[in-house]
């Protein structure tokens, strides 16, 4: 009976570890982790991917001499944490959209125009929602789901979760990505900031020249109009730039160290 039990463990051991990492990725990755997607669907997707993925990554899985339920559970927890880290890395890169949309909303006078954002489950500014929807569509058009599978394979090939100091290296990479996305969000918003400064300066100068003009009755409609014009003019370039930055940095985190 024990031989049959050990044989079952040996046969399912690679699948269990692969399933744990894929499930952690799906639970944390942007888009896939939305609460509108029921948990049963996420588990079924993870199991289906694991069936096809296990033969490819079984050679990278850790080998243990004492194969029992406790060891498998411990390794599954490590694999789940690694998958969750991959998904969290993708979420951090999406922070660029939040920064960019927030700045555009503030500079365009749309900070009070709040709508429900299904990707975050909270109220966000109108520009942030528009950029989020556009970014999601563009990422899937650029095969973001294929990139997830590619990064998942690289995580097995290049990263040993049992290596000393690997968690510190991954944490540093994640923090560097967060800092880079913050700076890129500011850089992407430079045109809106500059145009808003020019508009405010022009309105202030007009108020000095013609004091009888009600400045506040002009500045708000002008901000909104100019903001929408800038969005229509630049949204394609902004989303294309985000797509390139996201895919390059997401893969770079898990390349050979």
C-alpha atoms as a PDB file:
ATOM      1  CA  UNK A   1       0.000   0.000   0.000  1.00  0.00           C
ATOM      2  CA  UNK A   2       2.834   2.363   0.850  1.00  0.00           C
ATOM      3  CA  UNK A   3       4.474   1.650  -2.522  1.00  0.00           C
ATOM      4  CA  UNK A   4       1.267   2.650  -4.303  1.00  0.00           C
ATOM      5  CA  UNK A   5       1.072   5.782  -2.140  1.00  0.00           C
ATOM      6  CA  UNK A   6       4.679   6.745  -2.931  1.00  0.00           C
ATOM      7  CA  UNK A   7       4.105   6.051  -6.617  1.00  0.00           C
ATOM      8  CA  UNK A   8       1.125   8.413  -6.601  1.00  0.00           C
ATOM      9  CA  UNK A   9       3.196  11.087  -4.871  1.00  0.00           C
ATOM     10  CA  UNK A  10       6.047  10.667  -7.363  1.00  0.00           C
ATOM     11  CA  UNK A  11       3.678  10.955 -10.299  1.00  0.00           C
ATOM     12  CA  UNK A  12       1.744  13.999  -9.073  1.00  0.00           C
ATOM     13  CA  UNK A  13       4.684  15.802  -7.434  1.00  0.00           C
ATOM     14  CA  UNK A  14       5.694  17.866 -10.521  1.00  0.00           C
ATOM     15  CA  UNK A  15       2.074  18.736 -11.281  1.00  0.00           C
ATOM     16  CA  UNK A  16       1.402  19.922  -7.725  1.00  0.00           C
ATOM     17  CA  UNK A  17       4.412  22.262  -7.748  1.00  0.00           C
ATOM     18  CA  UNK A  18       3.624  23.640 -11.200  1.00  0.00           C
ATOM     19  CA  UNK A  19      -0.035  24.102 -10.284  1.00  0.00           C
ATOM     20  CA  UNK A  20       0.902  26.073  -7.153  1.00  0.00           C
ATOM     21  CA  UNK A  21       3.060  28.551  -9.078  1.00  0.00           C
ATOM     22  CA  UNK A  22       0.543  29.013 -11.895  1.00  0.00           C
ATOM     23  CA  UNK A  23      -2.279  29.511  -9.391  1.00  0.00           C
ATOM     24  CA  UNK A  24      -0.251  32.120  -7.488  1.00  0.00           C
ATOM     25  CA  UNK A  25       0.381  33.964 -10.756  1.00  0.00           C
ATOM     26  CA  UNK A  26      -3.293  33.979 -11.739  1.00  0.00           C
ATOM     27  CA  UNK A  27      -4.387  35.092  -8.271  1.00  0.00           C
ATOM     28  CA  UNK A  28      -2.119  38.168  -8.374  1.00  0.00           C
ATOM     29  CA  UNK A  29      -1.674  39.064 -12.051  1.00  0.00           C
ATOM     30  CA  UNK A  30      -3.542  42.118 -13.329  1.00  0.00           C
ATOM     31  CA  UNK A  31      -6.757  41.401 -15.232  1.00  0.00           C
ATOM     32  CA  UNK A  32      -6.798  37.710 -14.224  1.00  0.00           C
ATOM     33  CA  UNK A  33      -6.976  38.521 -10.502  1.00  0.00           C
ATOM     34  CA  UNK A  34     -10.174  40.574 -10.745  1.00  0.00           C
ATOM     35  CA  UNK A  35     -12.818  39.542  -8.259  1.00  0.00           C
ATOM     36  CA  UNK A  36     -15.409  39.457 -11.055  1.00  0.00           C
ATOM     37  CA  UNK A  37     -13.704  36.265 -12.271  1.00  0.00           C
ATOM     38  CA  UNK A  38     -14.932  33.486  -9.983  1.00  0.00           C
ATOM     39  CA  UNK A  39     -12.387  31.408  -8.059  1.00  0.00           C
ATOM     40  CA  UNK A  40     -13.478  28.162  -9.728  1.00  0.00           C
ATOM     41  CA  UNK A  41     -12.565  29.581 -13.132  1.00  0.00           C
ATOM     42  CA  UNK A  42      -9.139  30.661 -11.880  1.00  0.00           C
ATOM     43  CA  UNK A  43      -8.466  27.205 -10.423  1.00  0.00           C
ATOM     44  CA  UNK A  44      -9.606  25.471 -13.617  1.00  0.00           C
ATOM     45  CA  UNK A  45      -7.412  27.764 -15.722  1.00  0.00           C
ATOM     46  CA  UNK A  46      -4.413  27.099 -13.459  1.00  0.00           C
ATOM     47  CA  UNK A  47      -4.988  23.331 -13.586  1.00  0.00           C
ATOM     48  CA  UNK A  48      -5.336  23.344 -17.381  1.00  0.00           C
ATOM     49  CA  UNK A  49      -2.155  25.370 -17.863  1.00  0.00           C
ATOM     50  CA  UNK A  50      -0.302  23.151 -15.388  1.00  0.00           C
ATOM     51  CA  UNK A  51      -1.193  19.996 -17.328  1.00  0.00           C
ATOM     52  CA  UNK A  52       0.516  21.368 -20.441  1.00  0.00           C
ATOM     53  CA  UNK A  53       3.269  23.198 -18.548  1.00  0.00           C
ATOM     54  CA  UNK A  54       4.461  20.404 -16.236  1.00  0.00           C
ATOM     55  CA  UNK A  55       6.403  18.396 -18.877  1.00  0.00           C
ATOM     56  CA  UNK A  56       8.309  21.544 -19.878  1.00  0.00           C
ATOM     57  CA  UNK A  57       9.451  22.580 -16.399  1.00  0.00           C
ATOM     58  CA  UNK A  58       9.730  19.246 -14.573  1.00  0.00           C
ATOM     59  CA  UNK A  59      13.510  19.245 -15.145  1.00  0.00           C
ATOM     60  CA  UNK A  60      13.799  22.526 -13.194  1.00  0.00           C
ATOM     61  CA  UNK A  61      11.799  21.392 -10.159  1.00  0.00           C
ATOM     62  CA  UNK A  62      13.649  20.766  -6.874  1.00  0.00           C
ATOM     63  CA  UNK A  63      14.494  17.150  -6.074  1.00  0.00           C
ATOM     64  CA  UNK A  64      13.840  15.864  -2.563  1.00  0.00           C
ATOM     65  CA  UNK A  65      14.888  12.504  -1.138  1.00  0.00           C
ATOM     66  CA  UNK A  66      12.042  12.312   1.375  1.00  0.00           C
ATOM     67  CA  UNK A  67       8.859  12.770  -0.596  1.00  0.00           C
ATOM     68  CA  UNK A  68       5.900  13.104   1.738  1.00  0.00           C
ATOM     69  CA  UNK A  69       2.873  15.297   2.237  1.00  0.00           C
ATOM     70  CA  UNK A  70       4.704  17.802   4.467  1.00  0.00           C
ATOM     71  CA  UNK A  71       7.574  18.320   2.024  1.00  0.00           C
ATOM     72  CA  UNK A  72       5.191  18.687  -0.904  1.00  0.00           C
ATOM     73  CA  UNK A  73       3.070  21.198   1.022  1.00  0.00           C
ATOM     74  CA  UNK A  74       6.171  23.232   1.938  1.00  0.00           C
ATOM     75  CA  UNK A  75       7.409  23.278  -1.656  1.00  0.00           C
ATOM     76  CA  UNK A  76       3.920  24.161  -2.923  1.00  0.00           C
ATOM     77  CA  UNK A  77       3.853  27.169  -0.596  1.00  0.00           C
ATOM     78  CA  UNK A  78       7.210  28.320  -1.980  1.00  0.00           C
ATOM     79  CA  UNK A  79       5.993  27.853  -5.546  1.00  0.00           C
ATOM     80  CA  UNK A  80       2.746  29.692  -4.822  1.00  0.00           C
ATOM     81  CA  UNK A  81       4.739  32.590  -3.369  1.00  0.00           C
ATOM     82  CA  UNK A  82       6.933  32.716  -6.474  1.00  0.00           C
ATOM     83  CA  UNK A  83       3.890  32.793  -8.752  1.00  0.00           C
ATOM     84  CA  UNK A  84       2.282  35.500  -6.627  1.00  0.00           C
ATOM     85  CA  UNK A  85       5.500  37.528  -6.880  1.00  0.00           C
ATOM     86  CA  UNK A  86       5.366  37.324 -10.685  1.00  0.00           C
ATOM     87  CA  UNK A  87       1.777  38.564 -10.678  1.00  0.00           C
ATOM     88  CA  UNK A  88       2.629  41.315  -8.199  1.00  0.00           C
ATOM     89  CA  UNK A  89       5.475  42.445 -10.455  1.00  0.00           C
ATOM     90  CA  UNK A  90       3.002  42.916 -13.295  1.00  0.00           C
ATOM     91  CA  UNK A  91       0.711  44.905 -10.988  1.00  0.00           C
ATOM     92  CA  UNK A  92       3.593  47.171  -9.983  1.00  0.00           C
ATOM     93  CA  UNK A  93       4.282  47.935 -13.647  1.00  0.00           C
ATOM     94  CA  UNK A  94       0.616  48.917 -14.038  1.00  0.00           C
ATOM     95  CA  UNK A  95       1.297  51.632 -11.441  1.00  0.00           C
ATOM     96  CA  UNK A  96       2.531  53.787 -14.346  1.00  0.00           C
ATOM     97  CA  UNK A  97      -1.046  54.055 -15.646  1.00  0.00           C
ATOM     98  CA  UNK A  98      -2.342  55.113 -12.223  1.00  0.00           C
ATOM     99  CA  UNK A  99       0.279  57.853 -11.870  1.00  0.00           C
ATOM    100  CA  UNK A 100      -0.265  59.097 -15.419  1.00  0.00           C
ATOM    101  CA  UNK A 101      -4.063  59.107 -15.142  1.00  0.00           C
ATOM    102  CA  UNK A 102      -3.970  60.861 -11.773  1.00  0.00           C
ATOM    103  CA  UNK A 103      -1.737  63.660 -13.076  1.00  0.00           C
ATOM    104  CA  UNK A 104      -3.836  64.088 -16.225  1.00  0.00           C
ATOM    105  CA  UNK A 105      -7.005  64.259 -14.126  1.00  0.00           C
ATOM    106  CA  UNK A 106      -5.541  66.874 -11.800  1.00  0.00           C
ATOM    107  CA  UNK A 107      -4.175  69.029 -14.621  1.00  0.00           C
ATOM    108  CA  UNK A 108      -7.346  68.739 -16.730  1.00  0.00           C
ATOM    109  CA  UNK A 109      -9.811  69.684 -14.013  1.00  0.00           C
ATOM    110  CA  UNK A 110     -11.271  66.162 -13.996  1.00  0.00           C
ATOM    111  CA  UNK A 111     -10.197  65.201 -10.493  1.00  0.00           C
ATOM    112  CA  UNK A 112     -13.830  65.130  -9.343  1.00  0.00           C
ATOM    113  CA  UNK A 113     -15.012  62.998 -12.295  1.00  0.00           C
ATOM    114  CA  UNK A 114     -14.894  59.607 -10.567  1.00  0.00           C
ATOM    115  CA  UNK A 115     -16.017  56.353 -12.165  1.00  0.00           C
ATOM    116  CA  UNK A 116     -15.869  52.715 -11.093  1.00  0.00           C
ATOM    117  CA  UNK A 117     -12.679  50.991 -12.241  1.00  0.00           C
ATOM    118  CA  UNK A 118     -13.261  47.221 -12.585  1.00  0.00           C
ATOM    119  CA  UNK A 119      -9.534  46.457 -12.588  1.00  0.00           C
ATOM    120  CA  UNK A 120      -9.032  47.890  -9.087  1.00  0.00           C
ATOM    121  CA  UNK A 121     -12.578  47.607  -7.742  1.00  0.00           C
ATOM    122  CA  UNK A 122     -12.593  51.237  -6.617  1.00  0.00           C
ATOM    123  CA  UNK A 123     -13.499  54.724  -7.827  1.00  0.00           C
ATOM    124  CA  UNK A 124     -10.885  56.302 -10.092  1.00  0.00           C
ATOM    125  CA  UNK A 125     -10.596  59.416 -12.221  1.00  0.00           C
ATOM    126  CA  UNK A 126     -11.966  59.378 -15.749  1.00  0.00           C
ATOM    127  CA  UNK A 127      -8.517  59.619 -17.449  1.00  0.00           C
ATOM    128  CA  UNK A 128      -7.214  56.730 -15.333  1.00  0.00           C
ATOM    129  CA  UNK A 129     -10.161  54.547 -16.336  1.00  0.00           C
ATOM    130  CA  UNK A 130      -9.754  55.396 -20.023  1.00  0.00           C
ATOM    131  CA  UNK A 131      -6.026  54.649 -19.914  1.00  0.00           C
ATOM    132  CA  UNK A 132      -6.578  51.406 -17.974  1.00  0.00           C
ATOM    133  CA  UNK A 133      -9.129  50.079 -20.464  1.00  0.00           C
ATOM    134  CA  UNK A 134      -6.919  51.072 -23.388  1.00  0.00           C
ATOM    135  CA  UNK A 135      -3.827  49.511 -21.793  1.00  0.00           C
ATOM    136  CA  UNK A 136      -5.624  46.214 -21.117  1.00  0.00           C
ATOM    137  CA  UNK A 137      -6.901  45.978 -24.703  1.00  0.00           C
ATOM    138  CA  UNK A 138      -3.489  46.865 -26.131  1.00  0.00           C
ATOM    139  CA  UNK A 139      -1.644  44.384 -23.897  1.00  0.00           C
ATOM    140  CA  UNK A 140      -3.856  41.506 -24.959  1.00  0.00           C
ATOM    141  CA  UNK A 141      -3.478  42.587 -28.586  1.00  0.00           C
ATOM    142  CA  UNK A 142       0.299  42.397 -27.994  1.00  0.00           C
ATOM    143  CA  UNK A 143      -0.069  38.857 -26.561  1.00  0.00           C
ATOM    144  CA  UNK A 144       0.329  39.745 -22.893  1.00  0.00           C
ATOM    145  CA  UNK A 145      -0.950  36.267 -21.991  1.00  0.00           C
ATOM    146  CA  UNK A 146       1.898  34.770 -24.019  1.00  0.00           C
ATOM    147  CA  UNK A 147       4.360  36.992 -22.169  1.00  0.00           C
ATOM    148  CA  UNK A 148       3.017  35.703 -18.853  1.00  0.00           C
ATOM    149  CA  UNK A 149       3.731  32.127 -19.927  1.00  0.00           C
ATOM    150  CA  UNK A 150       7.186  33.145 -21.168  1.00  0.00           C
ATOM    151  CA  UNK A 151       8.021  34.845 -17.862  1.00  0.00           C
ATOM    152  CA  UNK A 152       6.675  31.848 -15.963  1.00  0.00           C
ATOM    153  CA  UNK A 153       9.053  29.566 -17.859  1.00  0.00           C
ATOM    154  CA  UNK A 154      11.988  31.954 -17.309  1.00  0.00           C
ATOM    155  CA  UNK A 155      11.232  31.937 -13.587  1.00  0.00           C
ATOM    156  CA  UNK A 156      11.868  28.181 -13.550  1.00  0.00           C
ATOM    157  CA  UNK A 157      14.893  28.366 -15.823  1.00  0.00           C
ATOM    158  CA  UNK A 158      16.805  31.251 -14.260  1.00  0.00           C
ATOM    159  CA  UNK A 159      15.561  31.586 -10.658  1.00  0.00           C
ATOM    160  CA  UNK A 160      16.170  28.994  -7.947  1.00  0.00           C
ATOM    161  CA  UNK A 161      13.822  29.802  -5.070  1.00  0.00           C
ATOM    162  CA  UNK A 162      16.044  27.779  -2.706  1.00  0.00           C
ATOM    163  CA  UNK A 163      19.128  29.870  -3.509  1.00  0.00           C
ATOM    164  CA  UNK A 164      20.424  32.011  -0.657  1.00  0.00           C
ATOM    165  CA  UNK A 165      19.728  35.699  -1.236  1.00  0.00           C
ATOM    166  CA  UNK A 166      17.352  35.207  -4.171  1.00  0.00           C
ATOM    167  CA  UNK A 167      14.462  36.813  -2.286  1.00  0.00           C
ATOM    168  CA  UNK A 168      16.572  39.889  -1.600  1.00  0.00           C
ATOM    169  CA  UNK A 169      17.496  40.161  -5.297  1.00  0.00           C
ATOM    170  CA  UNK A 170      13.867  39.843  -6.366  1.00  0.00           C
ATOM    171  CA  UNK A 171      12.794  42.441  -3.816  1.00  0.00           C
ATOM    172  CA  UNK A 172      15.399  44.884  -5.119  1.00  0.00           C
ATOM    173  CA  UNK A 173      14.246  44.261  -8.705  1.00  0.00           C
ATOM    174  CA  UNK A 174      10.640  44.897  -7.709  1.00  0.00           C
ATOM    175  CA  UNK A 175      11.499  48.137  -5.897  1.00  0.00           C
ATOM    176  CA  UNK A 176      13.588  49.304  -8.851  1.00  0.00           C
ATOM    177  CA  UNK A 177      10.649  48.634 -11.159  1.00  0.00           C
ATOM    178  CA  UNK A 178       8.322  50.572  -8.855  1.00  0.00           C
ATOM    179  CA  UNK A 179      10.688  53.553  -8.843  1.00  0.00           C
ATOM    180  CA  UNK A 180      11.114  53.392 -12.617  1.00  0.00           C
ATOM    181  CA  UNK A 181       7.349  53.279 -13.217  1.00  0.00           C
ATOM    182  CA  UNK A 182       6.852  56.315 -10.977  1.00  0.00           C
ATOM    183  CA  UNK A 183       9.441  58.330 -12.900  1.00  0.00           C
ATOM    184  CA  UNK A 184       8.103  57.175 -16.268  1.00  0.00           C
ATOM    185  CA  UNK A 185       4.585  58.135 -15.201  1.00  0.00           C
ATOM    186  CA  UNK A 186       5.821  61.652 -14.512  1.00  0.00           C
ATOM    187  CA  UNK A 187       7.691  61.783 -17.817  1.00  0.00           C
ATOM    188  CA  UNK A 188       4.664  60.591 -19.773  1.00  0.00           C
ATOM    189  CA  UNK A 189       2.605  63.342 -18.113  1.00  0.00           C
ATOM    190  CA  UNK A 190       5.060  66.150 -18.956  1.00  0.00           C
ATOM    191  CA  UNK A 191       3.036  67.408 -21.985  1.00  0.00           C
ATOM    192  CA  UNK A 192      -0.085  67.763 -19.833  1.00  0.00           C
ATOM    193  CA  UNK A 193       1.834  69.524 -17.063  1.00  0.00           C
ATOM    194  CA  UNK A 194       3.459  71.966 -19.490  1.00  0.00           C
ATOM    195  CA  UNK A 195       0.188  72.747 -21.293  1.00  0.00           C
ATOM    196  CA  UNK A 196      -1.583  73.257 -17.941  1.00  0.00           C
ATOM    197  CA  UNK A 197       1.138  75.701 -16.843  1.00  0.00           C
ATOM    198  CA  UNK A 198       0.861  77.625 -20.114  1.00  0.00           C
ATOM    199  CA  UNK A 199      -2.931  77.735 -19.811  1.00  0.00           C
ATOM    200  CA  UNK A 200      -2.846  78.969 -16.210  1.00  0.00           C
ATOM    201  CA  UNK A 201      -0.213  81.559 -17.074  1.00  0.00           C
ATOM    202  CA  UNK A 202      -2.290  82.773 -20.030  1.00  0.00           C
ATOM    203  CA  UNK A 203      -5.456  83.044 -17.932  1.00  0.00           C
ATOM    204  CA  UNK A 204      -3.558  84.919 -15.224  1.00  0.00           C
ATOM    205  CA  UNK A 205      -2.091  87.306 -17.795  1.00  0.00           C
ATOM    206  CA  UNK A 206      -5.540  87.848 -19.304  1.00  0.00           C
ATOM    207  CA  UNK A 207      -6.899  88.656 -15.851  1.00  0.00           C
ATOM    208  CA  UNK A 208      -4.198  91.296 -15.374  1.00  0.00           C
ATOM    209  CA  UNK A 209      -4.916  92.845 -18.762  1.00  0.00           C
ATOM    210  CA  UNK A 210      -8.714  92.761 -18.420  1.00  0.00           C
ATOM    211  CA  UNK A 211      -9.603  92.628 -14.699  1.00  0.00           C
ATOM    212  CA  UNK A 212     -13.343  92.668 -15.458  1.00  0.00           C
ATOM    213  CA  UNK A 213     -13.204  89.108 -16.819  1.00  0.00           C
ATOM    214  CA  UNK A 214     -14.446  86.378 -14.460  1.00  0.00           C
ATOM    215  CA  UNK A 215     -11.397  84.120 -14.528  1.00  0.00           C
ATOM    216  CA  UNK A 216     -12.982  81.170 -12.725  1.00  0.00           C
ATOM    217  CA  UNK A 217     -15.803  80.991 -15.265  1.00  0.00           C
ATOM    218  CA  UNK A 218     -13.201  80.564 -18.008  1.00  0.00           C
ATOM    219  CA  UNK A 219     -10.459  78.445 -16.467  1.00  0.00           C
ATOM    220  CA  UNK A 220     -12.531  75.338 -15.635  1.00  0.00           C
ATOM    221  CA  UNK A 221     -14.124  74.825 -19.094  1.00  0.00           C
ATOM    222  CA  UNK A 222     -10.800  75.679 -20.716  1.00  0.00           C
ATOM    223  CA  UNK A 223      -8.951  73.097 -18.601  1.00  0.00           C
ATOM    224  CA  UNK A 224     -11.445  70.365 -19.450  1.00  0.00           C
ATOM    225  CA  UNK A 225     -11.484  71.237 -23.155  1.00  0.00           C
ATOM    226  CA  UNK A 226      -7.700  71.371 -23.407  1.00  0.00           C
ATOM    227  CA  UNK A 227      -7.403  68.168 -21.361  1.00  0.00           C
ATOM    228  CA  UNK A 228      -9.701  66.238 -23.699  1.00  0.00           C
ATOM    229  CA  UNK A 229      -7.888  67.655 -26.720  1.00  0.00           C
ATOM    230  CA  UNK A 230      -4.515  66.547 -25.334  1.00  0.00           C
ATOM    231  CA  UNK A 231      -5.901  63.099 -24.482  1.00  0.00           C
ATOM    232  CA  UNK A 232      -7.258  62.662 -28.013  1.00  0.00           C
ATOM    233  CA  UNK A 233      -3.936  63.810 -29.435  1.00  0.00           C
ATOM    234  CA  UNK A 234      -1.590  61.740 -27.260  1.00  0.00           C
ATOM    235  CA  UNK A 235      -3.472  58.704 -25.952  1.00  0.00           C
ATOM    236  CA  UNK A 236      -2.257  56.475 -28.781  1.00  0.00           C
ATOM    237  CA  UNK A 237       1.385  57.390 -28.143  1.00  0.00           C
ATOM    238  CA  UNK A 238       0.976  57.047 -24.369  1.00  0.00           C
ATOM    239  CA  UNK A 239      -0.540  53.570 -24.603  1.00  0.00           C
ATOM    240  CA  UNK A 240       2.042  52.423 -27.153  1.00  0.00           C
ATOM    241  CA  UNK A 241       4.832  53.665 -24.900  1.00  0.00           C
ATOM    242  CA  UNK A 242       3.300  51.932 -21.885  1.00  0.00           C
ATOM    243  CA  UNK A 243       2.979  48.693 -23.843  1.00  0.00           C
ATOM    244  CA  UNK A 244       6.674  48.724 -24.771  1.00  0.00           C
ATOM    245  CA  UNK A 245       7.808  49.694 -21.263  1.00  0.00           C
ATOM    246  CA  UNK A 246       5.581  47.104 -19.590  1.00  0.00           C
ATOM    247  CA  UNK A 247       6.604  44.129 -21.729  1.00  0.00           C
ATOM    248  CA  UNK A 248      10.328  44.983 -21.664  1.00  0.00           C
ATOM    249  CA  UNK A 249      10.528  45.504 -17.909  1.00  0.00           C
ATOM    250  CA  UNK A 250       8.270  42.585 -17.026  1.00  0.00           C
ATOM    251  CA  UNK A 251      10.467  40.128 -18.909  1.00  0.00           C
ATOM    252  CA  UNK A 252      13.680  41.788 -17.680  1.00  0.00           C
ATOM    253  CA  UNK A 253      12.847  41.133 -14.004  1.00  0.00           C
ATOM    254  CA  UNK A 254      12.980  37.377 -14.536  1.00  0.00           C
ATOM    255  CA  UNK A 255      15.808  37.088 -17.036  1.00  0.00           C
ATOM    256  CA  UNK A 256      19.109  35.430 -16.208  1.00  0.00           C
ATOM    257  CA  UNK A 257      20.688  37.057 -13.167  1.00  0.00           C
END
